[in-house]
């Protein structure tokens, strides 16, 4: 029973995304983006602003003291990154990625290897 619900739900949501949202993405997502901007703007006064010069050195102690923050920093989000690469390469392919976890492309002079980790 749960399997049917999971598979059916997955097929339904994928179908809605592909046939309804993707063709009109800007139109469909605009209300949600507007609400997010409004919610963020309404809380702007609660932000404590301070100027940072960037001259203070970061130490291992600082990283350990702020482990949750450091662990939540997303350096590469695979989905938009692959979409961006696909758009850039529409005319001529520079890289070819076999899977999401490890991407490797051999060239005549060197091997380029990029590894992406999901958080």
N, C-alpha and C. Protein backbone atom coordinates (compact mmCIF):
# COMPACT_ATOMS: atom_id res chain seq x y z
N UNK A 1 0.83 -1.20 0.00
CA UNK A 1 0.00 0.00 0.00
C UNK A 1 0.87 1.26 0.00
N UNK A 2 1.87 1.28 0.91
CA UNK A 2 2.74 2.45 0.97
C UNK A 2 3.55 2.61 -0.31
N UNK A 3 3.95 1.49 -0.88
CA UNK A 3 4.70 1.53 -2.13
C UNK A 3 3.90 2.15 -3.26
N UNK A 4 2.62 1.79 -3.33
CA UNK A 4 1.75 2.36 -4.37
C UNK A 4 1.61 3.86 -4.18
N UNK A 5 1.44 4.28 -2.93
CA UNK A 5 1.31 5.70 -2.63
C UNK A 5 2.60 6.44 -2.99
N UNK A 6 3.74 5.87 -2.62
CA UNK A 6 5.03 6.51 -2.91
C UNK A 6 5.27 6.61 -4.42
N UNK A 7 5.03 5.52 -5.12
CA UNK A 7 5.26 5.53 -6.57
C UNK A 7 4.26 6.46 -7.26
N UNK A 8 2.98 6.34 -6.89
CA UNK A 8 1.95 7.21 -7.48
C UNK A 8 2.21 8.68 -7.18
N UNK A 9 2.58 8.96 -5.95
CA UNK A 9 2.89 10.35 -5.57
C UNK A 9 4.09 10.87 -6.32
N UNK A 10 5.10 10.03 -6.49
CA UNK A 10 6.29 10.43 -7.24
C UNK A 10 5.98 10.71 -8.70
N UNK A 11 5.18 9.84 -9.30
CA UNK A 11 4.80 10.02 -10.70
C UNK A 11 3.94 11.28 -10.86
N UNK A 12 3.00 11.47 -9.96
CA UNK A 12 2.12 12.65 -10.03
C UNK A 12 2.93 13.94 -9.89
N UNK A 13 3.78 14.01 -8.86
CA UNK A 13 4.54 15.25 -8.66
C UNK A 13 5.52 15.51 -9.80
N UNK A 14 6.14 14.46 -10.32
CA UNK A 14 7.05 14.63 -11.46
C UNK A 14 6.29 15.11 -12.69
N UNK A 15 5.08 14.59 -12.88
CA UNK A 15 4.27 15.00 -14.03
C UNK A 15 3.85 16.46 -13.91
N UNK A 16 3.42 16.87 -12.72
CA UNK A 16 3.04 18.26 -12.50
C UNK A 16 4.23 19.17 -12.76
N UNK A 17 5.40 18.80 -12.25
CA UNK A 17 6.60 19.61 -12.45
C UNK A 17 6.94 19.72 -13.93
N UNK A 18 6.94 18.60 -14.63
CA UNK A 18 7.36 18.59 -16.04
C UNK A 18 6.37 19.27 -16.97
N UNK A 19 5.08 19.02 -16.78
CA UNK A 19 4.10 19.50 -17.75
C UNK A 19 3.39 20.79 -17.34
N UNK A 20 3.40 21.14 -16.07
CA UNK A 20 2.71 22.34 -15.63
C UNK A 20 3.68 23.43 -15.18
N UNK A 21 4.62 23.07 -14.33
CA UNK A 21 5.52 24.08 -13.76
C UNK A 21 6.63 24.46 -14.72
N UNK A 22 7.35 23.48 -15.25
CA UNK A 22 8.53 23.76 -16.07
C UNK A 22 8.24 24.66 -17.27
N UNK A 23 7.17 24.43 -18.02
CA UNK A 23 6.91 25.32 -19.18
C UNK A 23 6.58 26.76 -18.78
N UNK A 24 6.01 26.97 -17.61
CA UNK A 24 5.62 28.31 -17.14
C UNK A 24 6.25 28.59 -15.78
N UNK A 25 7.51 28.27 -15.62
CA UNK A 25 8.14 28.33 -14.31
C UNK A 25 8.06 29.71 -13.67
N UNK A 26 8.36 30.75 -14.43
CA UNK A 26 8.34 32.10 -13.87
C UNK A 26 6.93 32.46 -13.41
N UNK A 27 5.95 32.18 -14.25
CA UNK A 27 4.56 32.50 -13.91
C UNK A 27 4.08 31.71 -12.69
N UNK A 28 4.43 30.44 -12.63
CA UNK A 28 3.96 29.58 -11.54
C UNK A 28 4.64 29.91 -10.22
N UNK A 29 5.92 30.29 -10.28
CA UNK A 29 6.67 30.50 -9.04
C UNK A 29 6.66 31.95 -8.56
N UNK A 30 6.23 32.88 -9.38
CA UNK A 30 6.22 34.30 -9.01
C UNK A 30 5.47 34.57 -7.70
N UNK A 31 4.27 34.02 -7.47
CA UNK A 31 3.59 34.31 -6.19
C UNK A 31 4.39 33.83 -4.98
N UNK A 32 5.04 32.69 -5.10
CA UNK A 32 5.83 32.17 -3.98
C UNK A 32 7.06 33.03 -3.73
N UNK A 33 7.70 33.46 -4.81
CA UNK A 33 8.88 34.32 -4.67
C UNK A 33 8.48 35.66 -4.06
N UNK A 34 7.34 36.22 -4.50
CA UNK A 34 6.87 37.49 -3.95
C UNK A 34 6.59 37.37 -2.46
N UNK A 35 5.96 36.26 -2.06
CA UNK A 35 5.70 36.05 -0.63
C UNK A 35 6.99 35.92 0.16
N UNK A 36 7.99 35.24 -0.39
CA UNK A 36 9.26 35.11 0.29
C UNK A 36 9.96 36.46 0.43
N UNK A 37 9.91 37.26 -0.62
CA UNK A 37 10.52 38.60 -0.55
C UNK A 37 9.80 39.45 0.48
N UNK A 38 8.47 39.39 0.49
CA UNK A 38 7.68 40.16 1.46
C UNK A 38 8.00 39.73 2.90
N UNK A 39 8.06 38.42 3.11
CA UNK A 39 8.37 37.91 4.46
C UNK A 39 9.78 38.31 4.89
N UNK A 40 10.71 38.26 3.97
CA UNK A 40 12.08 38.66 4.27
C UNK A 40 12.16 40.16 4.56
N UNK A 41 11.48 40.95 3.74
CA UNK A 41 11.48 42.41 3.92
C UNK A 41 10.86 42.81 5.24
N UNK A 42 9.82 42.10 5.65
CA UNK A 42 9.15 42.47 6.89
C UNK A 42 10.03 42.18 8.11
N UNK A 43 11.01 41.32 7.96
CA UNK A 43 11.91 41.00 9.07
C UNK A 43 13.26 41.72 8.95
N UNK A 44 13.39 42.59 7.96
CA UNK A 44 14.67 43.27 7.74
C UNK A 44 15.09 44.13 8.93
N UNK A 45 14.12 44.68 9.67
CA UNK A 45 14.45 45.51 10.83
C UNK A 45 15.04 44.69 11.97
N UNK A 46 14.77 43.39 11.98
CA UNK A 46 15.27 42.53 13.05
C UNK A 46 16.72 42.12 12.84
N UNK A 47 17.30 42.49 11.71
CA UNK A 47 18.67 42.10 11.39
C UNK A 47 19.64 43.04 12.10
N UNK A 48 20.63 42.45 12.73
CA UNK A 48 21.68 43.22 13.39
C UNK A 48 22.80 43.45 12.38
N UNK A 49 22.92 44.66 11.89
CA UNK A 49 23.94 44.97 10.88
C UNK A 49 25.24 45.38 11.56
N UNK A 50 26.33 44.87 11.01
CA UNK A 50 27.65 45.30 11.46
C UNK A 50 28.61 45.20 10.29
N UNK A 51 29.58 46.05 10.29
CA UNK A 51 30.52 46.09 9.18
C UNK A 51 31.70 45.17 9.49
N UNK A 52 32.04 44.35 8.51
CA UNK A 52 33.17 43.44 8.65
C UNK A 52 34.24 43.84 7.66
N UNK A 53 35.46 43.95 8.14
CA UNK A 53 36.54 44.37 7.27
C UNK A 53 37.20 43.20 6.56
N UNK A 54 37.07 42.00 7.11
CA UNK A 54 37.72 40.84 6.52
C UNK A 54 39.17 40.69 6.94
N UNK A 55 39.61 41.52 7.87
CA UNK A 55 41.00 41.47 8.31
C UNK A 55 41.24 40.48 9.44
N UNK A 56 40.19 40.06 10.11
CA UNK A 56 40.33 39.11 11.22
C UNK A 56 40.60 37.73 10.65
N UNK A 57 41.60 37.05 11.20
CA UNK A 57 41.96 35.72 10.72
C UNK A 57 41.00 34.67 11.27
N UNK A 58 40.62 33.74 10.45
CA UNK A 58 39.75 32.65 10.84
C UNK A 58 40.62 31.52 11.39
N UNK A 59 40.27 31.02 12.55
CA UNK A 59 41.05 29.96 13.17
C UNK A 59 40.22 28.68 13.26
N UNK A 60 40.90 27.58 13.54
CA UNK A 60 40.20 26.30 13.72
C UNK A 60 39.25 26.38 14.91
N UNK A 61 39.61 27.14 15.92
CA UNK A 61 38.74 27.31 17.09
C UNK A 61 37.43 28.00 16.69
N UNK A 62 37.51 29.01 15.82
CA UNK A 62 36.32 29.68 15.33
C UNK A 62 35.41 28.72 14.56
N UNK A 63 36.02 27.90 13.74
CA UNK A 63 35.25 26.92 12.95
C UNK A 63 34.58 25.92 13.87
N UNK A 64 35.32 25.42 14.86
CA UNK A 64 34.74 24.46 15.81
C UNK A 64 33.61 25.09 16.63
N UNK A 65 33.76 26.35 16.99
CA UNK A 65 32.73 27.04 17.78
C UNK A 65 31.46 27.29 16.98
N UNK A 66 31.59 27.30 15.66
CA UNK A 66 30.45 27.57 14.78
C UNK A 66 30.21 26.41 13.82
N UNK A 67 30.36 25.20 14.29
CA UNK A 67 30.29 24.00 13.46
C UNK A 67 28.96 23.89 12.70
N UNK A 68 27.83 24.18 13.35
CA UNK A 68 26.54 24.09 12.66
C UNK A 68 26.45 25.05 11.48
N UNK A 69 26.94 26.26 11.67
CA UNK A 69 26.92 27.24 10.59
C UNK A 69 27.84 26.81 9.45
N UNK A 70 29.04 26.38 9.79
CA UNK A 70 30.00 25.97 8.76
C UNK A 70 29.48 24.77 7.98
N UNK A 71 28.86 23.82 8.66
CA UNK A 71 28.35 22.62 7.99
C UNK A 71 27.17 22.92 7.08
N UNK A 72 26.47 24.02 7.34
CA UNK A 72 25.30 24.34 6.50
C UNK A 72 25.67 25.22 5.30
N UNK A 73 26.92 25.57 5.16
CA UNK A 73 27.34 26.39 4.02
C UNK A 73 27.36 25.51 2.78
N UNK A 74 26.59 25.89 1.78
CA UNK A 74 26.53 25.12 0.55
C UNK A 74 27.44 25.79 -0.47
N UNK A 75 28.48 25.10 -0.85
CA UNK A 75 29.41 25.65 -1.83
C UNK A 75 28.94 25.39 -3.25
N UNK A 76 28.46 24.20 -3.50
CA UNK A 76 27.98 23.83 -4.82
C UNK A 76 26.66 23.10 -4.68
N UNK A 77 25.63 23.61 -5.27
CA UNK A 77 24.37 22.90 -5.35
C UNK A 77 24.33 22.26 -6.73
N UNK A 78 24.29 20.95 -6.77
CA UNK A 78 24.44 20.20 -8.01
C UNK A 78 23.37 20.55 -9.04
N UNK A 79 22.12 20.69 -8.61
CA UNK A 79 21.03 20.89 -9.58
C UNK A 79 21.20 22.16 -10.41
N UNK A 80 21.29 23.36 -9.80
CA UNK A 80 21.45 24.55 -10.65
C UNK A 80 22.79 24.56 -11.37
N UNK A 81 23.81 23.95 -10.76
CA UNK A 81 25.11 23.92 -11.41
C UNK A 81 25.04 23.13 -12.71
N UNK A 82 24.39 21.97 -12.69
CA UNK A 82 24.27 21.16 -13.90
C UNK A 82 23.38 21.86 -14.93
N UNK A 83 22.33 22.55 -14.47
CA UNK A 83 21.49 23.32 -15.39
C UNK A 83 22.29 24.42 -16.06
N UNK A 84 23.12 25.10 -15.28
CA UNK A 84 23.96 26.17 -15.81
C UNK A 84 24.94 25.63 -16.83
N UNK A 85 25.62 24.53 -16.49
CA UNK A 85 26.55 23.91 -17.43
C UNK A 85 25.83 23.51 -18.72
N UNK A 86 24.63 22.97 -18.60
CA UNK A 86 23.88 22.56 -19.78
C UNK A 86 23.57 23.76 -20.67
N UNK A 87 23.19 24.90 -20.06
CA UNK A 87 22.88 26.09 -20.84
C UNK A 87 24.13 26.65 -21.51
N UNK A 88 25.24 26.66 -20.79
CA UNK A 88 26.49 27.19 -21.34
C UNK A 88 26.97 26.32 -22.50
N UNK A 89 26.74 25.02 -22.40
CA UNK A 89 27.29 24.09 -23.37
C UNK A 89 26.33 23.76 -24.51
N UNK A 90 25.23 24.48 -24.65
CA UNK A 90 24.25 24.13 -25.67
C UNK A 90 24.85 24.13 -27.08
N UNK A 91 25.76 25.03 -27.33
CA UNK A 91 26.34 25.10 -28.68
C UNK A 91 27.45 24.06 -28.83
N UNK A 92 28.33 24.00 -27.85
CA UNK A 92 29.47 23.10 -27.93
C UNK A 92 29.74 22.51 -26.55
N UNK A 93 29.82 21.22 -26.43
CA UNK A 93 30.02 20.56 -25.15
C UNK A 93 31.49 20.58 -24.76
N UNK A 94 31.75 21.09 -23.56
CA UNK A 94 33.10 21.10 -23.04
C UNK A 94 33.33 19.96 -22.06
N UNK A 95 32.32 19.67 -21.26
CA UNK A 95 32.43 18.63 -20.25
C UNK A 95 31.30 17.64 -20.44
N UNK A 96 31.52 16.43 -20.04
CA UNK A 96 30.47 15.42 -20.06
C UNK A 96 30.43 14.76 -18.70
N UNK A 97 29.27 14.79 -18.04
CA UNK A 97 29.14 14.23 -16.71
C UNK A 97 28.37 12.92 -16.76
N UNK A 98 28.96 11.87 -16.21
CA UNK A 98 28.32 10.57 -16.23
C UNK A 98 27.27 10.43 -15.13
N UNK A 99 27.56 10.92 -13.93
CA UNK A 99 26.59 10.84 -12.85
C UNK A 99 26.76 12.04 -11.93
N UNK A 100 25.88 12.17 -10.94
CA UNK A 100 25.92 13.34 -10.06
C UNK A 100 27.01 13.27 -9.02
N UNK A 101 27.41 12.10 -8.59
CA UNK A 101 28.34 12.00 -7.47
C UNK A 101 29.78 12.28 -7.88
N UNK A 102 30.23 11.77 -8.99
CA UNK A 102 31.60 12.01 -9.40
C UNK A 102 31.63 12.27 -10.89
N UNK A 103 32.19 13.41 -11.27
CA UNK A 103 32.26 13.79 -12.65
C UNK A 103 33.72 13.76 -13.08
N UNK A 104 33.99 13.21 -14.23
CA UNK A 104 35.38 13.10 -14.66
C UNK A 104 35.44 13.29 -16.17
N UNK A 105 36.39 14.08 -16.62
CA UNK A 105 36.58 14.30 -18.04
C UNK A 105 38.07 14.24 -18.32
N UNK A 106 38.47 13.40 -19.24
CA UNK A 106 39.88 13.27 -19.59
C UNK A 106 40.16 14.17 -20.79
N UNK A 107 41.22 14.94 -20.69
CA UNK A 107 41.65 15.78 -21.81
C UNK A 107 43.01 15.29 -22.27
N UNK A 108 43.56 15.92 -23.28
CA UNK A 108 44.85 15.49 -23.79
C UNK A 108 45.99 15.80 -22.83
N UNK A 109 45.84 16.81 -22.01
CA UNK A 109 46.93 17.21 -21.13
C UNK A 109 46.73 16.81 -19.67
N UNK A 110 45.50 16.71 -19.23
CA UNK A 110 45.27 16.44 -17.81
C UNK A 110 43.88 15.84 -17.62
N UNK A 111 43.66 15.37 -16.43
CA UNK A 111 42.35 14.84 -16.07
C UNK A 111 41.69 15.81 -15.11
N UNK A 112 40.50 16.25 -15.45
CA UNK A 112 39.74 17.16 -14.61
C UNK A 112 38.74 16.32 -13.84
N UNK A 113 38.79 16.42 -12.52
CA UNK A 113 37.90 15.61 -11.70
C UNK A 113 37.22 16.53 -10.70
N UNK A 114 35.88 16.54 -10.70
CA UNK A 114 35.14 17.34 -9.75
C UNK A 114 34.26 16.40 -8.94
N UNK A 115 34.23 16.61 -7.65
CA UNK A 115 33.37 15.79 -6.81
C UNK A 115 32.42 16.71 -6.09
N UNK A 116 31.14 16.38 -6.13
CA UNK A 116 30.11 17.17 -5.47
C UNK A 116 29.54 16.36 -4.35
N UNK A 117 29.35 17.02 -3.21
CA UNK A 117 28.76 16.34 -2.07
C UNK A 117 27.45 17.02 -1.72
N UNK A 118 26.43 16.21 -1.52
CA UNK A 118 25.14 16.74 -1.05
C UNK A 118 25.20 16.89 0.45
N UNK A 119 24.60 17.94 0.95
CA UNK A 119 24.56 18.13 2.40
C UNK A 119 23.20 17.77 2.91
